Protein backbone atom coordinates (compact mmCIF):
# COMPACT_ATOMS: atom_id res chain seq x y z
CA MET A 1 0.02 -0.17 -0.09
CA PHE A 2 2.50 2.60 1.31
CA SER A 3 4.73 1.66 -2.04
CA HIS A 4 1.74 2.44 -4.29
CA PHE A 5 1.56 5.77 -2.42
CA PHE A 6 5.06 6.75 -2.77
CA TRP A 7 4.75 5.77 -6.61
CA PHE A 8 1.87 8.16 -6.82
CA VAL A 9 3.80 10.84 -5.17
CA SER A 10 6.68 10.28 -7.34
CA GLU A 11 4.85 10.47 -10.50
CA ASN A 12 3.27 13.85 -9.35
CA GLN A 13 6.43 15.15 -8.64
CA HIS A 14 7.75 13.95 -12.05
CA ASP A 15 4.73 15.69 -13.66
CA THR A 16 5.15 19.01 -11.61
CA ALA A 17 8.92 18.92 -12.38
CA MET A 18 8.15 18.51 -16.24
CA LYS A 19 5.78 21.53 -16.13
CA ASN A 20 8.10 23.76 -14.34
CA LEU A 21 10.66 22.89 -16.78
CA LEU A 22 8.13 23.59 -19.87
CA ILE A 23 7.18 26.97 -17.97
CA PHE A 24 10.85 27.86 -17.40
CA SER A 25 11.77 27.30 -20.93
CA ILE A 26 8.95 29.35 -22.24
CA LEU A 27 10.00 32.23 -20.12
CA LEU A 28 13.38 31.71 -20.99
CA PHE A 29 12.56 31.86 -24.82
CA VAL A 30 10.34 35.03 -24.34
CA GLY A 31 13.02 36.55 -22.34
CA VAL A 32 15.57 36.12 -25.08
CA LEU A 33 13.17 37.67 -27.45
CA SER A 34 12.29 40.63 -25.11
CA GLN A 35 15.94 41.28 -24.97
CA ALA A 36 16.80 41.60 -28.64
CA GLN A 37 18.63 44.64 -29.15
CA LYS A 38 16.90 47.75 -30.23
CA VAL A 39 18.77 49.54 -32.69
CA GLY A 40 18.86 52.68 -34.88
CA ASP A 41 16.17 55.23 -34.78
CA SER A 42 12.77 55.99 -36.62
CA CYS A 43 12.58 53.82 -39.61
CA GLU A 44 9.29 54.80 -41.73
CA ASP A 45 7.90 51.78 -43.30
CA CYS A 46 10.71 49.36 -42.50
CA GLU A 47 8.45 46.87 -41.26
CA MET A 48 7.20 46.54 -44.89
CA MET A 49 10.34 44.34 -45.42
CA PHE A 50 8.55 41.49 -44.00
CA GLU A 51 5.34 41.77 -46.23
CA GLY A 52 5.41 39.25 -49.01
CA MET A 53 9.13 38.06 -47.93
CA PRO A 54 10.18 34.77 -49.48
CA LYS A 55 10.41 31.66 -47.03
CA THR A 56 13.85 31.05 -48.63
CA LEU A 57 16.37 33.62 -49.50
CA SER A 58 19.74 33.40 -51.61
CA TRP A 59 22.59 35.69 -51.54
CA GLN A 60 21.64 36.73 -55.21
CA THR A 61 18.36 38.17 -56.47
CA THR A 62 16.85 39.44 -59.36
CA ILE A 63 14.52 42.32 -58.77
CA ALA A 64 13.58 43.54 -62.32
CA ASP A 65 13.03 40.91 -64.95
CA ALA A 66 14.00 41.27 -68.78
CA LYS A 67 10.71 42.94 -69.51
CA GLU A 68 11.24 45.90 -67.01
CA ALA A 69 11.84 49.17 -68.79
CA GLY A 70 15.22 50.79 -67.94
CA GLU A 71 18.90 50.23 -68.00
CA ARG A 72 20.05 47.08 -66.49
CA MET A 73 21.99 47.40 -63.34
CA GLU A 74 23.92 45.07 -61.01
CA ILE A 75 25.32 45.90 -57.52
CA SER A 76 27.22 43.43 -55.25
CA GLY A 77 29.46 43.55 -52.24
CA LYS A 78 30.03 42.03 -48.78
CA ILE A 79 28.56 42.55 -45.66
CA TYR A 80 30.98 42.63 -42.43
CA GLN A 81 30.53 42.27 -38.71
CA ALA A 82 31.28 45.58 -36.69
CA ASP A 83 35.36 44.97 -36.98
CA GLY A 84 34.93 45.63 -40.75
CA LYS A 85 36.83 42.34 -41.46
CA THR A 86 34.78 39.35 -40.35
CA PRO A 87 32.19 38.43 -42.88
CA ALA A 88 28.51 38.53 -41.76
CA THR A 89 26.53 35.50 -42.66
CA GLU A 90 22.66 35.10 -42.80
CA VAL A 91 22.00 38.84 -42.76
CA ILE A 92 18.94 39.96 -44.54
CA LEU A 93 19.36 42.78 -46.92
CA TYR A 94 16.10 44.30 -48.39
CA VAL A 95 15.94 46.90 -51.04
CA TYR A 96 13.47 48.82 -53.12
CA HIS A 97 13.40 51.50 -55.50
CA THR A 98 11.73 53.44 -58.07
CA ASP A 99 10.99 52.55 -61.77
CA VAL A 100 12.22 54.64 -64.83
CA LYS A 101 9.52 57.12 -64.35
CA GLY A 102 10.79 57.63 -60.63
CA GLU A 103 7.83 56.31 -59.13
CA TYR A 104 7.14 53.33 -56.90
CA THR A 105 4.69 51.66 -59.14
CA PRO A 106 2.97 48.68 -57.53
CA ALA A 107 2.51 45.59 -59.79
CA ALA A 108 -1.26 44.90 -61.11
CA THR A 109 -1.69 42.04 -58.74
CA GLN A 110 0.60 43.14 -56.20
CA VAL A 111 -0.90 42.75 -52.48
CA HIS A 112 2.05 43.32 -50.15
CA ALA A 113 3.96 46.77 -49.53
CA ARG A 114 2.15 48.64 -52.57
CA ARG A 115 3.83 51.72 -51.10
CA HIS A 116 7.51 50.23 -52.15
CA GLY A 117 6.34 49.57 -55.62
CA HIS A 118 6.89 46.32 -57.63
CA LEU A 119 10.83 46.71 -57.75
CA ARG A 120 11.75 45.27 -54.28
CA GLY A 121 13.79 42.35 -53.27
CA TRP A 122 15.62 40.33 -50.65
CA ILE A 123 19.08 39.01 -49.93
CA LYS A 124 20.46 36.70 -47.33
CA THR A 125 24.30 36.77 -47.05
CA ASP A 126 26.27 33.65 -47.35
CA VAL A 127 29.02 32.38 -45.34
CA GLN A 128 31.61 34.72 -47.13
CA GLY A 129 29.09 37.76 -46.40
CA ARG A 130 28.32 38.16 -49.93
CA TYR A 131 25.16 39.62 -51.74
CA GLN A 132 24.20 40.60 -55.19
CA PHE A 133 20.95 42.01 -56.81
CA SER A 134 20.20 42.66 -60.59
CA THR A 135 17.47 45.39 -61.32
CA ILE A 136 17.37 48.44 -63.55
CA ARG A 137 18.83 51.71 -62.67
CA PRO A 138 16.26 53.86 -60.83
CA ALA A 139 15.16 57.40 -61.80
CA ALA A 140 14.79 60.25 -59.77
CA TYR A 141 11.68 61.60 -58.32
CA PRO A 142 9.70 63.54 -60.87
CA GLY A 143 9.81 67.35 -60.19
CA GLN A 144 12.12 67.05 -57.22
CA LYS A 145 15.78 67.54 -56.38
CA PHE A 146 16.52 64.32 -54.60
CA ALA A 147 19.19 62.07 -56.42
CA ALA A 148 18.18 58.77 -57.73
CA HIS A 149 18.54 56.03 -54.95
CA VAL A 150 17.98 52.46 -53.79
CA HIS A 151 16.61 52.34 -50.22
CA PRO A 152 18.34 49.35 -48.14
CA ILE A 153 16.92 47.98 -44.74
CA ILE A 154 18.91 45.45 -42.81
CA LYS A 155 17.75 42.56 -40.63
CA GLU A 156 20.24 40.84 -38.11
CA ALA A 157 19.31 38.00 -35.98
CA ALA A 158 18.73 39.35 -32.37
CA LYS A 159 18.06 42.82 -33.67
CA ASN A 160 15.32 44.79 -35.29
CA GLU A 161 15.36 46.01 -38.67
CA TYR A 162 17.07 49.21 -39.34
CA TRP A 163 18.07 51.55 -42.43
CA ILE A 164 21.51 52.41 -43.66
CA ASP A 165 22.38 54.93 -46.31
CA GLU A 166 20.76 54.80 -49.75
CA TYR A 167 22.68 53.62 -52.63
CA GLN A 168 23.39 56.61 -54.87
CA PHE A 169 25.48 57.21 -57.76
CA GLU A 170 28.72 59.23 -58.66
CA GLY A 171 27.96 61.74 -61.58
CA ASP A 172 24.33 62.04 -60.80
CA PRO A 173 23.65 65.82 -61.41
CA LEU A 174 21.04 65.79 -58.60
CA LEU A 175 23.75 64.39 -55.94
CA THR A 176 25.06 67.67 -54.50
CA GLN A 177 28.03 68.37 -52.31
CA LYS A 178 25.51 69.30 -49.45
CA ASP A 179 24.20 65.77 -49.95
CA ARG A 180 27.45 64.34 -49.52
CA ALA A 181 28.24 66.59 -46.40
CA ASN A 182 24.97 65.56 -44.88
CA ALA A 183 25.43 61.75 -45.37
CA GLN A 184 25.28 59.91 -42.38
CA ASN A 185 27.50 56.82 -43.58
CA ARG A 186 25.36 54.40 -41.95
CA GLY A 187 26.75 50.99 -42.74
CA GLY A 188 29.40 52.96 -44.75
CA SER A 189 29.17 55.26 -47.58
CA GLY A 190 26.35 54.56 -50.05
CA ILE A 191 27.76 56.55 -52.85
CA ILE A 192 28.85 54.27 -55.46
CA LYS A 193 30.49 54.30 -58.96
CA LEU A 194 28.75 52.67 -61.72
CA THR A 195 30.55 51.46 -64.85
CA LYS A 196 29.19 49.74 -67.97
CA ASN A 197 30.32 46.38 -68.78
CA GLU A 198 30.47 44.79 -72.33
CA LYS A 199 26.83 43.73 -72.04
CA GLY A 200 25.62 47.50 -71.52
CA VAL A 201 24.97 46.44 -67.73
CA TRP A 202 25.82 49.32 -65.20
CA ILE A 203 27.99 47.40 -62.45
CA GLY A 204 28.29 48.81 -58.88
CA LYS A 205 29.93 47.42 -55.68
CA ARG A 206 29.36 48.56 -51.90
CA ASP A 207 30.48 46.83 -48.96
CA ILE A 208 28.59 47.16 -45.71
CA ILE A 209 29.67 47.45 -42.19
CA LEU A 210 27.12 46.26 -39.81
CA GLY A 211 26.58 48.87 -36.81
CA LYS A 212 28.69 51.58 -38.42
CA ASN A 213 27.16 54.87 -37.43
CA ILE A 214 23.98 53.19 -36.41
CA PRO A 215 22.47 54.62 -33.15
CA ASN A 216 22.35 52.38 -30.11
CA TYR A 217 24.38 49.59 -31.64
CA HIS A 218 26.80 47.68 -29.59
C-alpha cells in the first residue's frame, strides 16, 4: 500500500517538475526575445520588408525581369561584422527603388507593400558575407531635387530591422556637395561608382559594415 502511495507521489512530482521545466523554457524564450537589441532610430515603413518576404532567400536575387523598362544594373558587395573584417553571414538585406519614371509603381496583382512598388527584393548573405542584386537603374523622383537612389534595410538576428544610407550614384547631377556633406554613412558610404560592362549593364559595388554609425548599436 505504502509503495503505491510513494509511486503516486513520485509520479506527481515528476509531472510537476516537467511542467515547471516547460514553463521555465517558455519564459526563457520570451526573455531572449524581449532582450533583442533595439538599434537605429525611426524607420518609416521598415516593417514592410517582411510583407511578402519569401521563405527561402539566397545571396543573389533578380528584382527586375527582362521585360522591365530601363537600363540594367547589378550591385554586389560584402557585409561585414562591426570589425569591418569578419564576413557577416545570414544577414538579410531588403532593397526597393523607383522605376524609370521615378515612381514606386506597384504591380497590377501586388498585394504586399504597395507603397514600395514592385521593384523590391531580399538577399541573405552567404558564409562569405556576399550579396548581389540585379535590377534596373532607378530614376529620380519627378519634379524634385532628390538624387536617384535605392533604399536598403538591414535585418540581423537578435536585432530589429534598421535603415542604412541609400545607394546613390557618382555622376548623378542631383547628387550635390551638400548631400555628400549631410550623408550619415550608416553602414558606410552609400555613394557608389557605376561602370558599364561589355553587355551594357551598369555594375556597382558596395561593402557594408554592420553597426557603423547606427544609433544604439553595441
